Amino acid sequence: MIHRGLLSDYFDGVVVKRLSAVEADTKQSNQHEFNGVHQLKKILGEEEPRTFPARFVWLGVEQEGISEDGFLTWYDARRDHPNRSEYRLYFPTTPISEMASEGDTLFIARRTDGSAMVIVTPADSTIQNQLLWLFGIEDQPTLSFTSQEIEKNTSAEIDFTARYIMDELGIELEEPESDFLDALIQQFGLKFPTTREMSELARSSLKNVGARDDPDMALLAWIEREEQLFRRLERHIVSDRLKDGFIAGDGADVEGFLLFSLSVQNRRKSRMGAALENHLEAIFHTFDLRFNRGALTENKSKPDFLFPGAAEYHDDEFPAARLTMLGAKSTCKDRWRQVLPEAARIEIKHLLTLEPGISQNQTDQMRANNLQLVSPQPLHITFKTQQQGWLMTLYQFIQLSQQRQR
């Protein structure tokens, strides 16, 4: 089993609070400071004055993010007073602070390298839920700071869910057991294989993982292994390309570099979606389900999976109650609406996603639009209690499909 690393390898602790009007609105206050309450002292210590290099991050409702490097200053405003201290945390004006609104959620996380992350998210958003889960904070944010120390060697492993969230933050994770991964991808040299080939390698490399025993766990294990393999191969290919440099004539080929960077990002996004479908296809075959992948329905729509198949769907005499469709999106965000018109004969659509902690507002909208969300069982703990009873596991979806095909 590959060592995934620990959250404590990356963070020492975090504080979280709701922003008040004064804290969020730079027009109301020019102080740009938080009072150094006990919770901040637990994370930042009492040594002062100190300046922390910081990455300021804004993540919107749909994780549209911007970031900027800056600093935080931790100091005692009454340092010269013999009997009193008054700690404060100063932050400069940044595009992130200017975007913040009253009621937004603020996370200040101290990194193990001595830097800090300042993250602002909309209240009750998906990304807020994900960060609360990542840092192990159970209570919803209030106007007072809540702190969470991350103890060394005892914090949760960086599993697929945690890696997903940290990727949203732009944190590059260390590659575990790189020699083992290199041995697996050696056959590809410095070229990307097809996604199907990479998916098959991921599954075959996990000898003790079986879809029949636990399809939910198998899906996440295969996806995580494929992600590790892809990122390792990507590192080799990108490093090799960077050795050649980006030169055009007598100067730097800025346009060429930007296009190359964009191609790397696009490949990551498109590959994950295809990988998810590949592994689902393998699971459905394991359970002997009849289905078509990408079959045409009305208006040239192509549901990711149609059960039992296109022939039955287009047969008006085949009962609609025995038809099932499943959309598959590695990240859901607001794109879940795209599956609603994909199969008009099917009243209740199903959508499987790997995105953890989707906001209750989003899942309420899904329910109102007759969309049933399917989430691998290990991800259910990232959702609120009132959402978990409604969520469907992958195994439950398989059981439903089996019943309809009898």
Protein backbone atom coordinates (compact mmCIF):
# COMPACT_ATOMS: atom_id res chain seq x y z
CA MET A 1 0.00 0.00 0.00
CA ILE A 2 1.36 3.42 -0.94
CA HIS A 3 2.07 5.84 1.91
CA ARG A 4 -0.10 8.88 1.33
CA GLY A 5 1.42 11.30 3.82
CA LEU A 6 -0.30 13.10 6.67
CA LEU A 7 -2.12 16.41 6.91
CA SER A 8 0.42 17.32 9.59
CA ASP A 9 3.12 17.16 6.90
CA TYR A 10 1.61 20.33 5.45
CA PHE A 11 -0.19 22.20 8.25
CA ASP A 12 0.42 22.98 11.94
CA GLY A 13 -3.02 24.41 12.65
CA VAL A 14 -5.86 26.59 11.48
CA VAL A 15 -8.33 29.16 12.77
CA VAL A 16 -11.69 29.92 11.20
CA LYS A 17 -14.39 32.56 11.65
CA ARG A 18 -17.16 34.43 9.91
CA LEU A 19 -16.15 37.90 8.76
CA SER A 20 -17.95 40.82 10.35
CA ALA A 21 -18.85 43.92 8.37
CA VAL A 22 -15.89 45.83 9.77
CA GLU A 23 -13.45 43.04 8.99
CA ALA A 24 -14.73 42.52 5.45
CA ASP A 25 -15.38 46.07 4.29
CA THR A 26 -12.18 48.03 3.82
CA LYS A 27 -14.28 51.18 3.47
CA GLN A 28 -15.49 50.80 7.05
CA SER A 29 -12.09 50.14 8.55
CA ASN A 30 -8.52 50.87 7.60
CA GLN A 31 -7.06 48.88 10.48
CA HIS A 32 -6.64 45.63 8.52
CA GLU A 33 -6.17 43.77 11.79
CA PHE A 34 -7.60 40.97 13.87
CA ASN A 35 -7.33 41.02 17.63
CA GLY A 36 -4.80 38.46 18.85
CA VAL A 37 -7.26 36.31 20.73
CA HIS A 38 -6.35 33.06 22.46
CA GLN A 39 -7.19 30.95 19.41
CA LEU A 40 -4.75 32.90 17.25
CA LYS A 41 -2.04 32.58 19.88
CA LYS A 42 -2.47 28.81 19.84
CA ILE A 43 -1.65 28.76 16.13
CA LEU A 44 0.86 31.61 15.84
CA GLY A 45 2.54 31.43 19.26
CA GLU A 46 3.52 34.38 21.45
CA GLU A 47 6.86 35.22 19.88
CA GLU A 48 6.62 38.68 18.32
CA PRO A 49 7.02 40.71 16.24
CA ARG A 50 6.93 38.15 13.42
CA THR A 51 6.18 38.39 9.75
CA PHE A 52 4.77 35.34 8.00
CA PRO A 53 4.93 34.99 4.22
CA ALA A 54 1.37 34.25 3.19
CA ARG A 55 -0.65 33.05 0.23
CA PHE A 56 -4.02 34.82 0.08
CA VAL A 57 -6.72 32.80 -1.69
CA TRP A 58 -10.30 33.55 -2.70
CA LEU A 59 -12.43 30.56 -3.72
CA GLY A 60 -15.86 31.42 -5.06
CA VAL A 61 -19.08 29.45 -5.01
CA GLU A 62 -17.94 27.38 -7.98
CA GLN A 63 -14.30 27.37 -6.84
CA GLU A 64 -13.35 30.14 -9.23
CA GLY A 65 -10.20 31.15 -7.45
CA ILE A 66 -7.68 33.92 -7.37
CA SER A 67 -4.56 34.04 -5.25
CA GLU A 68 -1.80 36.46 -4.38
CA ASP A 69 1.36 36.27 -2.29
CA GLY A 70 1.75 38.66 0.62
CA PHE A 71 2.48 38.61 4.33
CA LEU A 72 0.94 38.66 7.79
CA THR A 73 2.44 40.60 10.72
CA TRP A 74 1.96 39.32 14.27
CA TYR A 75 2.85 41.84 16.95
CA ASP A 76 2.09 43.13 20.46
CA ALA A 77 0.68 46.65 20.27
CA ARG A 78 1.51 47.13 23.99
CA ARG A 79 4.97 45.58 23.91
CA ASP A 80 6.42 48.36 26.09
CA HIS A 81 3.69 48.17 28.73
CA PRO A 82 4.97 46.42 31.86
CA ASN A 83 1.76 44.57 32.70
CA ARG A 84 -0.34 44.36 29.55
CA SER A 85 -0.12 42.84 26.11
CA GLU A 86 -2.39 43.32 23.12
CA TYR A 87 -1.57 41.02 20.25
CA ARG A 88 -2.78 41.85 16.77
CA LEU A 89 -2.55 40.22 13.36
CA TYR A 90 -2.07 42.72 10.57
CA PHE A 91 -2.86 41.92 6.94
CA PRO A 92 -2.34 44.16 3.89
CA THR A 93 -4.99 45.09 1.35
CA THR A 94 -5.10 42.52 -1.43
CA PRO A 95 -7.55 41.67 -4.22
CA ILE A 96 -8.72 38.87 -1.92
CA SER A 97 -9.51 41.21 1.00
CA GLU A 98 -11.30 43.55 -1.40
CA MET A 99 -13.52 40.71 -2.64
CA ALA A 100 -14.48 39.56 0.86
CA SER A 101 -18.01 40.27 2.09
CA GLU A 102 -19.71 40.27 5.45
CA GLY A 103 -20.60 36.71 6.42
CA ASP A 104 -17.86 35.09 4.32
CA THR A 105 -15.74 32.45 6.01
CA LEU A 106 -12.08 33.13 6.76
CA PHE A 107 -9.48 30.40 7.28
CA ILE A 108 -5.97 31.26 8.47
CA ALA A 109 -3.79 28.16 8.28
CA ARG A 110 -0.20 27.93 9.43
CA ARG A 111 1.98 25.80 7.15
CA THR A 112 4.76 23.55 8.39
CA ASP A 113 7.28 25.57 6.37
CA GLY A 114 6.57 28.68 8.48
CA SER A 115 4.29 30.36 5.95
CA ALA A 116 0.54 30.89 6.18
CA MET A 117 -2.52 30.54 3.98
CA VAL A 118 -5.38 33.02 4.23
CA ILE A 119 -8.45 31.58 2.52
CA VAL A 120 -11.79 33.32 2.06
CA THR A 121 -14.89 31.42 0.92
CA PRO A 122 -18.58 32.28 0.66
CA ALA A 123 -20.61 31.17 3.66
CA ASP A 124 -22.14 27.66 3.50
CA SER A 125 -20.51 26.99 0.12
CA THR A 126 -19.18 23.66 -1.04
CA ILE A 127 -15.55 24.74 -0.65
CA GLN A 128 -16.25 25.98 2.90
CA ASN A 129 -17.67 22.56 3.79
CA GLN A 130 -14.68 20.84 2.22
CA LEU A 131 -12.18 22.93 4.19
CA LEU A 132 -14.02 22.40 7.48
CA TRP A 133 -13.87 18.66 6.85
CA LEU A 134 -10.22 18.77 5.80
CA PHE A 135 -9.15 20.49 9.01
CA GLY A 136 -11.44 18.44 11.26
CA ILE A 137 -13.64 21.35 12.38
CA GLU A 138 -17.13 20.12 13.24
CA ASP A 139 -18.82 23.35 14.32
CA GLN A 140 -20.04 25.89 11.81
CA PRO A 141 -18.05 29.17 11.80
CA THR A 142 -19.19 32.05 14.00
CA LEU A 143 -17.99 35.62 14.43
CA SER A 144 -15.42 34.34 16.95
CA PHE A 145 -12.29 32.42 16.00
CA THR A 146 -12.29 28.65 16.34
CA SER A 147 -8.90 26.98 16.34
CA GLN A 148 -7.77 23.49 15.40
CA GLU A 149 -4.23 22.31 16.02
CA ILE A 150 -2.97 19.53 13.75
CA GLU A 151 -0.91 17.15 15.81
CA LYS A 152 2.19 15.60 14.34
CA ASN A 153 1.98 12.01 13.11
CA THR A 154 -1.58 11.56 14.38
CA SER A 155 -3.61 13.52 11.84
CA ALA A 156 -5.56 11.86 9.06
CA GLU A 157 -3.78 10.49 6.01
CA ILE A 158 -3.96 12.43 2.78
CA ASP A 159 -6.47 10.20 1.03
CA PHE A 160 -8.27 10.85 -2.24
CA THR A 161 -10.72 13.29 -0.64
CA ALA A 162 -8.04 15.35 1.08
CA ARG A 163 -5.92 15.41 -2.08
CA TYR A 164 -8.94 16.66 -4.01
CA ILE A 165 -9.42 19.59 -1.62
CA MET A 166 -5.73 20.46 -1.38
CA ASP A 167 -5.54 20.48 -5.15
CA GLU A 168 -8.27 23.13 -5.12
CA LEU A 169 -6.00 25.18 -2.86
CA GLY A 170 -3.13 24.85 -5.31
CA ILE A 171 -0.99 22.80 -2.90
CA GLU A 172 1.41 20.47 -4.66
CA LEU A 173 1.59 17.24 -2.68
CA GLU A 174 4.73 15.18 -2.30
CA GLU A 175 4.90 12.13 -4.51
CA PRO A 176 4.78 8.96 -2.40
CA GLU A 177 7.06 6.05 -3.26
CA SER A 178 8.16 7.56 -6.57
CA ASP A 179 10.42 4.58 -7.41
CA PHE A 180 7.46 2.20 -7.25
CA LEU A 181 5.38 4.45 -9.51
CA ASP A 182 8.28 4.93 -11.94
CA ALA A 183 8.54 1.17 -12.35
CA LEU A 184 4.87 0.97 -13.28
CA ILE A 185 5.00 3.74 -15.90
CA GLN A 186 8.39 2.84 -17.36
CA GLN A 187 6.67 1.12 -20.28
CA PHE A 188 5.27 4.46 -21.50
CA GLY A 189 8.61 6.26 -21.77
CA LEU A 190 8.01 10.00 -22.18
CA LYS A 191 4.63 9.75 -23.89
CA PHE A 192 1.16 9.77 -22.44
CA PRO A 193 -0.72 6.53 -23.09
CA THR A 194 -4.42 6.55 -23.84
CA THR A 195 -6.62 7.10 -20.81
CA ARG A 196 -7.99 3.58 -21.18
CA GLU A 197 -4.46 2.15 -21.00
CA MET A 198 -3.67 4.20 -17.91
CA SER A 199 -6.94 3.13 -16.27
CA GLU A 200 -6.22 -0.53 -16.96
CA LEU A 201 -2.74 -0.17 -15.45
CA ALA A 202 -4.18 1.47 -12.33
CA ARG A 203 -6.63 -1.39 -11.80
CA SER A 204 -4.11 -4.15 -12.51
CA SER A 205 -1.58 -2.62 -10.09
CA LEU A 206 -3.99 -2.99 -7.16
CA LYS A 207 -4.18 -6.75 -6.85
CA ASN A 208 -6.14 -6.75 -3.60
CA VAL A 209 -8.88 -4.35 -4.73
CA GLY A 210 -12.02 -5.92 -6.16
CA ALA A 211 -15.14 -4.22 -7.45
CA ARG A 212 -17.32 -7.20 -6.54
CA ASP A 213 -16.39 -6.92 -2.86
CA ASP A 214 -16.85 -3.15 -2.52
CA PRO A 215 -17.43 -1.09 -5.68
CA ASP A 216 -17.40 2.22 -3.80
CA MET A 217 -13.96 1.61 -2.28
CA ALA A 218 -12.66 0.12 -5.53
CA LEU A 219 -13.65 3.17 -7.54
CA LEU A 220 -11.81 5.56 -5.22
CA ALA A 221 -8.75 3.30 -4.99
CA TRP A 222 -8.49 2.99 -8.77
CA ILE A 223 -9.02 6.73 -9.32
CA GLU A 224 -6.40 7.58 -6.72
CA ARG A 225 -3.85 5.16 -8.16
CA GLU A 226 -4.43 6.45 -11.69
CA GLU A 227 -4.01 10.02 -10.45
CA GLN A 228 -0.68 9.07 -8.86
CA LEU A 229 0.51 7.35 -12.02
CA PHE A 230 -0.56 10.22 -14.25
CA ARG A 231 1.04 12.92 -12.09
CA ARG A 232 4.29 10.98 -11.92
CA LEU A 233 4.42 10.51 -15.69
CA GLU A 234 3.41 14.12 -16.20
CA ARG A 235 6.30 15.26 -14.03
CA HIS A 236 8.78 13.36 -16.20
CA ILE A 237 7.30 14.63 -19.46
CA VAL A 238 7.01 18.25 -18.32
CA SER A 239 10.52 18.24 -16.83
CA ASP A 240 11.92 16.92 -20.10
CA ARG A 241 10.10 19.66 -22.04
CA LEU A 242 11.31 22.40 -19.70
CA LYS A 243 14.94 21.35 -20.26
CA ASP A 244 14.57 22.53 -23.85
CA GLY A 245 13.37 25.93 -22.66
CA PHE A 246 11.00 28.28 -24.47
CA ILE A 247 13.04 30.42 -26.84
CA ALA A 248 11.78 32.32 -29.90
CA GLY A 249 14.44 34.13 -31.86
CA ASP A 250 16.51 36.18 -29.47
CA GLY A 251 13.98 36.19 -26.63
CA ALA A 252 11.72 34.07 -24.48
CA ASP A 253 8.78 32.34 -26.15
CA VAL A 254 6.16 33.55 -23.68
CA GLU A 255 3.25 32.54 -25.90
CA GLY A 256 4.69 29.06 -26.34
CA PHE A 257 5.13 28.68 -22.58
CA LEU A 258 1.56 29.82 -21.86
CA LEU A 259 0.14 27.44 -24.46
CA PHE A 260 2.17 24.56 -23.01
CA SER A 261 0.97 25.37 -19.48
CA LEU A 262 -2.63 25.54 -20.67
CA SER A 263 -2.29 22.18 -22.40
CA VAL A 264 -1.05 20.63 -19.13
CA GLN A 265 -4.07 21.95 -17.22
CA ASN A 266 -6.55 20.90 -19.91
CA ARG A 267 -5.07 17.41 -20.08
CA ARG A 268 -5.50 17.01 -16.31
CA LYS A 269 -9.15 18.01 -16.44
CA SER A 270 -10.18 15.95 -19.46
CA ARG A 271 -8.24 12.88 -18.34
CA MET A 272 -9.92 12.71 -14.92
CA GLY A 273 -13.40 12.64 -16.45
CA ALA A 274 -12.46 9.89 -18.88
CA ALA A 275 -10.75 7.90 -16.12
CA LEU A 276 -13.88 8.02 -13.99
CA GLU A 277 -15.97 6.65 -16.85
CA ASN A 278 -13.40 3.92 -17.56
CA HIS A 279 -13.46 2.65 -13.99
CA LEU A 280 -17.25 2.82 -13.77
CA GLU A 281 -17.46 0.83 -16.98
CA ALA A 282 -15.21 -1.87 -15.49
CA ILE A 283 -17.36 -2.00 -12.34
CA PHE A 284 -20.60 -2.30 -14.32
CA HIS A 285 -19.12 -5.17 -16.35
CA THR A 286 -18.14 -6.89 -13.10
CA PHE A 287 -21.79 -6.86 -12.05
CA ASP A 288 -22.98 -8.01 -15.50
CA LEU A 289 -25.04 -4.88 -16.08
CA ARG A 290 -26.28 -4.13 -19.58
CA PHE A 291 -25.54 -0.58 -20.66
CA ASN A 292 -24.28 1.70 -23.41
CA ARG A 293 -21.66 4.36 -22.86
CA GLY A 294 -22.27 7.66 -24.65
CA ALA A 295 -25.41 6.52 -26.49
CA LEU A 296 -27.43 9.12 -28.41
CA THR A 297 -30.78 10.26 -27.05
CA GLU A 298 -32.88 13.31 -27.96
CA ASN A 299 -31.25 16.37 -29.53
CA LYS A 300 -27.97 14.48 -29.97
CA SER A 301 -27.46 14.29 -26.21
CA LYS A 302 -25.10 11.60 -24.96
CA PRO A 303 -25.66 10.41 -21.40
CA ASP A 304 -22.46 8.94 -20.00
CA PHE A 305 -24.21 5.65 -19.22
CA LEU A 306 -27.62 4.44 -20.37
CA PHE A 307 -29.15 1.27 -18.88
CA PRO A 308 -30.01 -1.23 -20.28
CA GLY A 309 -29.09 0.48 -23.56
CA ALA A 310 -29.93 2.68 -26.53
CA ALA A 311 -32.13 0.06 -28.24
CA GLU A 312 -34.43 -0.17 -25.26
CA TYR A 313 -34.43 3.59 -24.78
CA HIS A 314 -35.61 4.23 -28.35
CA ASP A 315 -38.21 1.44 -28.17
CA ASP A 316 -41.44 3.20 -27.21
CA GLU A 317 -42.87 -0.11 -25.98
CA PHE A 318 -40.04 -0.63 -23.49
CA PRO A 319 -41.24 0.60 -20.06
CA ALA A 320 -39.68 3.93 -19.12
CA ALA A 321 -39.67 2.81 -15.47
CA ARG A 322 -37.01 0.24 -16.36
CA LEU A 323 -34.68 2.78 -17.96
CA THR A 324 -31.83 4.37 -16.02
CA MET A 325 -29.24 6.96 -16.90
CA LEU A 326 -26.11 7.94 -15.03
CA GLY A 327 -24.03 11.04 -15.59
CA ALA A 328 -20.43 10.94 -14.33
CA LYS A 329 -18.59 14.13 -13.36
CA SER A 330 -15.41 14.10 -11.32
CA THR A 331 -16.23 17.63 -10.18
CA CYS A 332 -19.86 18.58 -9.95
CA LYS A 333 -20.01 22.31 -9.22
CA ASP A 334 -22.93 23.87 -11.12
CA ARG A 335 -22.47 21.58 -14.12
CA TRP A 336 -24.93 19.05 -12.70
CA ARG A 337 -27.67 20.85 -14.63
CA GLN A 338 -26.13 19.59 -17.88
CA VAL A 339 -27.46 16.08 -17.30
CA LEU A 340 -31.11 17.15 -16.84
CA PRO A 341 -32.06 17.21 -20.58
CA GLU A 342 -29.98 14.20 -21.60
CA ALA A 343 -32.71 11.52 -21.47
CA ALA A 344 -36.27 12.86 -21.65
CA ARG A 345 -37.91 9.45 -21.12
CA ILE A 346 -36.27 9.06 -17.72
CA GLU A 347 -37.96 11.11 -15.02
CA ILE A 348 -35.34 10.79 -12.28
CA LYS A 349 -31.77 11.23 -13.46
CA HIS A 350 -28.72 9.93 -11.59
CA LEU A 351 -25.36 11.69 -11.36
CA LEU A 352 -22.18 10.26 -9.83
CA THR A 353 -19.52 12.68 -8.68
CA LEU A 354 -16.25 12.48 -6.78
CA GLU A 355 -16.67 15.98 -5.35
CA PRO A 356 -16.88 15.91 -1.54
CA GLY A 357 -18.96 18.12 0.73
CA ILE A 358 -21.32 19.65 -1.84
CA SER A 359 -23.36 22.42 -0.25
CA GLN A 360 -26.88 21.73 0.96
CA ASN A 361 -28.18 24.51 -1.27
CA GLN A 362 -26.86 22.63 -4.31
CA THR A 363 -28.22 19.24 -3.24
CA ASP A 364 -31.61 20.81 -2.44
CA GLN A 365 -31.71 22.16 -6.00
CA MET A 366 -30.81 18.72 -7.35
CA ARG A 367 -33.68 17.11 -5.47
CA ALA A 368 -36.09 19.76 -6.71
CA ASN A 369 -35.03 18.92 -10.29
CA ASN A 370 -35.45 15.14 -9.88
CA LEU A 371 -31.72 14.51 -9.87
CA GLN A 372 -30.40 11.82 -7.53
CA LEU A 373 -26.77 12.32 -6.52
CA VAL A 374 -24.57 9.21 -6.34
CA SER A 375 -21.40 9.47 -4.27
CA PRO A 376 -18.91 6.76 -3.30
CA GLN A 377 -19.71 5.74 0.26
CA PRO A 378 -16.40 6.93 1.84
CA LEU A 379 -17.19 10.49 0.69
CA HIS A 380 -20.53 10.63 2.51
CA ILE A 381 -18.91 11.77 5.75
CA THR A 382 -17.96 15.05 4.06
CA PHE A 383 -21.65 15.92 3.66
CA LYS A 384 -23.91 17.25 6.39
CA THR A 385 -25.95 14.73 8.36
CA GLN A 386 -29.22 15.89 6.81
CA GLN A 387 -27.79 15.24 3.33
CA GLN A 388 -26.34 11.80 3.98
CA GLY A 389 -29.67 10.00 4.21
CA TRP A 390 -30.57 11.16 0.71
CA LEU A 391 -27.26 10.37 -0.98
CA MET A 392 -26.98 7.12 -2.92
CA THR A 393 -23.85 4.97 -2.87
CA LEU A 394 -22.46 3.41 -6.03
CA TYR A 395 -23.42 -0.04 -4.77
CA GLN A 396 -27.00 1.12 -4.20
CA PHE A 397 -27.10 2.44 -7.76
CA ILE A 398 -25.85 -0.93 -9.03
CA GLN A 399 -28.56 -2.71 -7.06
CA LEU A 400 -31.21 -0.40 -8.54
CA SER A 401 -29.94 -1.07 -12.06
CA GLN A 402 -29.90 -4.81 -11.45
CA GLN A 403 -33.52 -4.76 -10.24
CA ARG A 404 -34.65 -2.88 -13.33
CA GLN A 405 -32.91 -5.33 -15.66
CA ARG A 406 -34.51 -8.48 -14.26
